[in-house]
């Protein structure tokens, strides 16, 4: 069911975002407006466009949210992989999207202070320790299969790094 919905949501999102569908929608609105005099601009005439647009809007909200959630998750995973694979990158930033809004706001403040004040490095290190502690806590809660996958990736990464140095 989930896979069918995912495929349908992707196809509908792509289709509804096309120029042809936009022009078709404009055509429907123009046709509706042109039929106004024939229906004496009645309540039924107005109800036709109102009902149609309301139903379409209601359904599109869920389709768009579905594709946006999936795209956002994919982008986040790609960024996490870049952090993990980049030498010198702070891998503690992997998974920042799971932090609370307050923690993210605090991290943003720390970065702004880092740019403005050399003494802010200590505060940033404190926040890094907090993020690292949260990452350790999350890792300990993962299932055995997820831990095995993580260890496999770590071993692969270490093997790649040692090969690159030779």
Protein backbone atom coordinates (compact mmCIF):
# COMPACT_ATOMS: atom_id res chain seq x y z
CA UNK A 1 0.00 0.00 0.00
CA UNK A 2 2.79 2.45 0.97
CA UNK A 3 4.74 1.71 -2.19
CA UNK A 4 1.64 2.15 -4.37
CA UNK A 5 0.87 5.47 -2.69
CA UNK A 6 4.48 6.61 -3.09
CA UNK A 7 4.48 5.81 -6.80
CA UNK A 8 1.08 7.45 -7.32
CA UNK A 9 2.08 10.54 -5.31
CA UNK A 10 5.27 10.96 -7.35
CA UNK A 11 3.47 10.58 -10.66
CA UNK A 12 0.61 12.90 -9.70
CA UNK A 13 3.04 15.52 -8.33
CA UNK A 14 5.07 15.42 -11.52
CA UNK A 15 1.97 15.52 -13.71
CA UNK A 16 0.25 18.35 -11.80
CA UNK A 17 3.44 20.39 -11.88
CA UNK A 18 3.57 20.35 -15.66
CA UNK A 19 2.79 23.31 -17.90
CA UNK A 20 0.09 21.33 -19.72
CA UNK A 21 -1.89 20.74 -16.53
CA UNK A 22 -1.52 24.39 -15.54
CA UNK A 23 -2.84 25.49 -18.93
CA UNK A 24 -5.67 22.96 -18.60
CA UNK A 25 -6.61 24.42 -15.21
CA UNK A 26 -6.55 27.94 -16.65
CA UNK A 27 -8.76 26.68 -19.49
CA UNK A 28 -11.27 25.21 -17.03
CA UNK A 29 -11.44 28.50 -15.11
CA UNK A 30 -11.94 30.46 -18.35
CA UNK A 31 -14.62 28.01 -19.51
CA UNK A 32 -16.35 28.29 -16.14
CA UNK A 33 -16.23 32.10 -16.30
CA UNK A 34 -17.60 32.11 -19.86
CA UNK A 35 -20.55 29.91 -18.84
CA UNK A 36 -21.57 32.36 -16.11
CA UNK A 37 -24.08 34.28 -18.26
CA UNK A 38 -25.69 31.04 -19.47
CA UNK A 39 -26.30 29.98 -15.86
CA UNK A 40 -27.19 33.53 -14.76
CA UNK A 41 -24.26 33.47 -12.33
CA UNK A 42 -26.33 31.23 -10.08
CA UNK A 43 -25.32 29.68 -6.78
CA UNK A 44 -25.04 26.29 -8.50
CA UNK A 45 -22.68 27.77 -11.10
CA UNK A 46 -20.46 29.14 -8.31
CA UNK A 47 -20.71 25.89 -6.35
CA UNK A 48 -19.27 23.93 -9.29
CA UNK A 49 -15.94 25.77 -9.26
CA UNK A 50 -15.82 26.08 -5.46
CA UNK A 51 -16.43 22.37 -4.87
CA UNK A 52 -13.99 21.27 -7.56
CA UNK A 53 -11.16 23.50 -6.41
CA UNK A 54 -11.75 22.67 -2.73
CA UNK A 55 -11.59 18.92 -3.29
CA UNK A 56 -8.52 19.14 -5.53
CA UNK A 57 -6.74 21.43 -3.05
CA UNK A 58 -7.57 19.14 -0.12
CA UNK A 59 -6.16 16.07 -1.87
CA UNK A 60 -3.10 17.86 -3.25
CA UNK A 61 -2.04 18.95 0.25
CA UNK A 62 -1.47 15.31 1.21
CA UNK A 63 0.26 14.40 -2.04
CA UNK A 64 2.59 17.38 -1.88
CA UNK A 65 3.36 16.76 1.81
CA UNK A 66 4.17 13.12 1.06
CA UNK A 67 6.61 13.95 -1.72
CA UNK A 68 8.13 16.81 0.29
CA UNK A 69 8.69 14.57 3.33
CA UNK A 70 10.37 11.91 1.20
CA UNK A 71 12.51 14.42 -0.69
CA UNK A 72 13.53 16.11 2.56
CA UNK A 73 14.52 12.78 4.10
CA UNK A 74 16.55 11.84 1.01
CA UNK A 75 18.38 15.19 1.00
CA UNK A 76 19.09 14.87 4.73
CA UNK A 77 20.54 11.38 4.26
CA UNK A 78 22.74 12.63 1.43
CA UNK A 79 24.00 15.49 3.60
CA UNK A 80 24.66 13.07 6.46
CA UNK A 81 26.68 10.88 4.11
CA UNK A 82 28.69 13.89 2.93
CA UNK A 83 29.46 14.79 6.54
CA UNK A 84 30.45 11.21 7.29
CA UNK A 85 32.67 10.92 4.21
CA UNK A 86 34.34 14.34 4.36
CA UNK A 87 37.67 14.40 6.16
CA UNK A 88 37.66 17.03 8.89
CA UNK A 89 33.87 17.39 8.93
CA UNK A 90 32.16 17.21 12.28
CA UNK A 91 30.25 13.95 12.09
CA UNK A 92 28.46 14.91 15.31
CA UNK A 93 26.27 17.07 13.06
CA UNK A 94 24.79 13.98 11.44
CA UNK A 95 21.18 13.83 12.60
CA UNK A 96 20.85 17.47 13.68
CA UNK A 97 17.36 17.49 12.18
CA UNK A 98 16.23 15.40 15.15
CA UNK A 99 17.28 18.00 17.72
CA UNK A 100 14.68 20.15 19.39
CA UNK A 101 13.98 23.63 18.09
CA UNK A 102 15.66 25.06 21.20
CA UNK A 103 18.83 23.03 20.61
CA UNK A 104 18.91 24.09 16.95
CA UNK A 105 18.42 27.73 17.95
CA UNK A 106 21.24 27.37 20.48
CA UNK A 107 23.50 25.86 17.82
CA UNK A 108 22.66 28.71 15.44
CA UNK A 109 23.53 31.26 18.16
CA UNK A 110 26.82 29.50 18.78
CA UNK A 111 27.74 29.69 15.10
CA UNK A 112 26.91 33.39 15.00
CA UNK A 113 29.03 33.96 18.11
CA UNK A 114 31.86 31.94 16.61
CA UNK A 115 31.99 34.35 13.70
CA UNK A 116 31.83 37.41 15.99
CA UNK A 117 33.82 36.36 19.07
CA UNK A 118 36.98 34.24 19.28
CA UNK A 119 36.03 33.20 22.85
CA UNK A 120 32.91 31.47 21.60
CA UNK A 121 34.88 28.35 20.72
CA UNK A 122 34.47 27.07 24.30
CA UNK A 123 30.70 27.46 24.15
CA UNK A 124 30.63 25.74 20.78
CA UNK A 125 32.71 22.86 22.16
CA UNK A 126 30.20 22.53 25.00
CA UNK A 127 27.37 22.32 22.48
CA UNK A 128 29.34 19.78 20.41
CA UNK A 129 29.69 17.65 23.53
CA UNK A 130 25.93 17.87 24.08
CA UNK A 131 25.25 16.86 20.47
CA UNK A 132 27.75 14.01 20.72
CA UNK A 133 26.12 12.78 23.94
CA UNK A 134 22.73 12.84 22.21
CA UNK A 135 24.14 10.90 19.25
CA UNK A 136 25.64 8.31 21.60
CA UNK A 137 22.29 7.99 23.39
CA UNK A 138 20.46 7.46 20.09
CA UNK A 139 23.00 4.92 18.91
CA UNK A 140 22.53 2.88 22.09
CA UNK A 141 18.77 2.75 21.44
CA UNK A 142 19.04 1.41 17.89
CA UNK A 143 18.10 -2.14 17.05
CA UNK A 144 20.75 -4.84 16.64
CA UNK A 145 20.35 -4.78 12.87
CA UNK A 146 20.92 -1.03 12.73
CA UNK A 147 24.02 -1.41 14.92
CA UNK A 148 25.39 -4.10 12.61
CA UNK A 149 24.83 -1.85 9.60
CA UNK A 150 26.54 1.06 11.39
CA UNK A 151 29.54 -1.11 12.32
CA UNK A 152 29.80 -2.39 8.74
CA UNK A 153 29.82 1.18 7.42
CA UNK A 154 32.40 2.20 10.01
CA UNK A 155 34.68 -0.71 9.11
CA UNK A 156 34.28 0.08 5.40
CA UNK A 157 35.02 3.75 6.05
CA UNK A 158 38.12 2.92 8.11
CA UNK A 159 39.33 0.53 5.42
CA UNK A 160 38.82 3.19 2.76
CA UNK A 161 40.66 5.85 4.77
CA UNK A 162 43.63 3.61 5.49
CA UNK A 163 43.82 2.63 1.81
CA UNK A 164 43.72 6.29 0.76
CA UNK A 165 46.70 7.15 2.99
CA UNK A 166 48.97 4.52 1.40
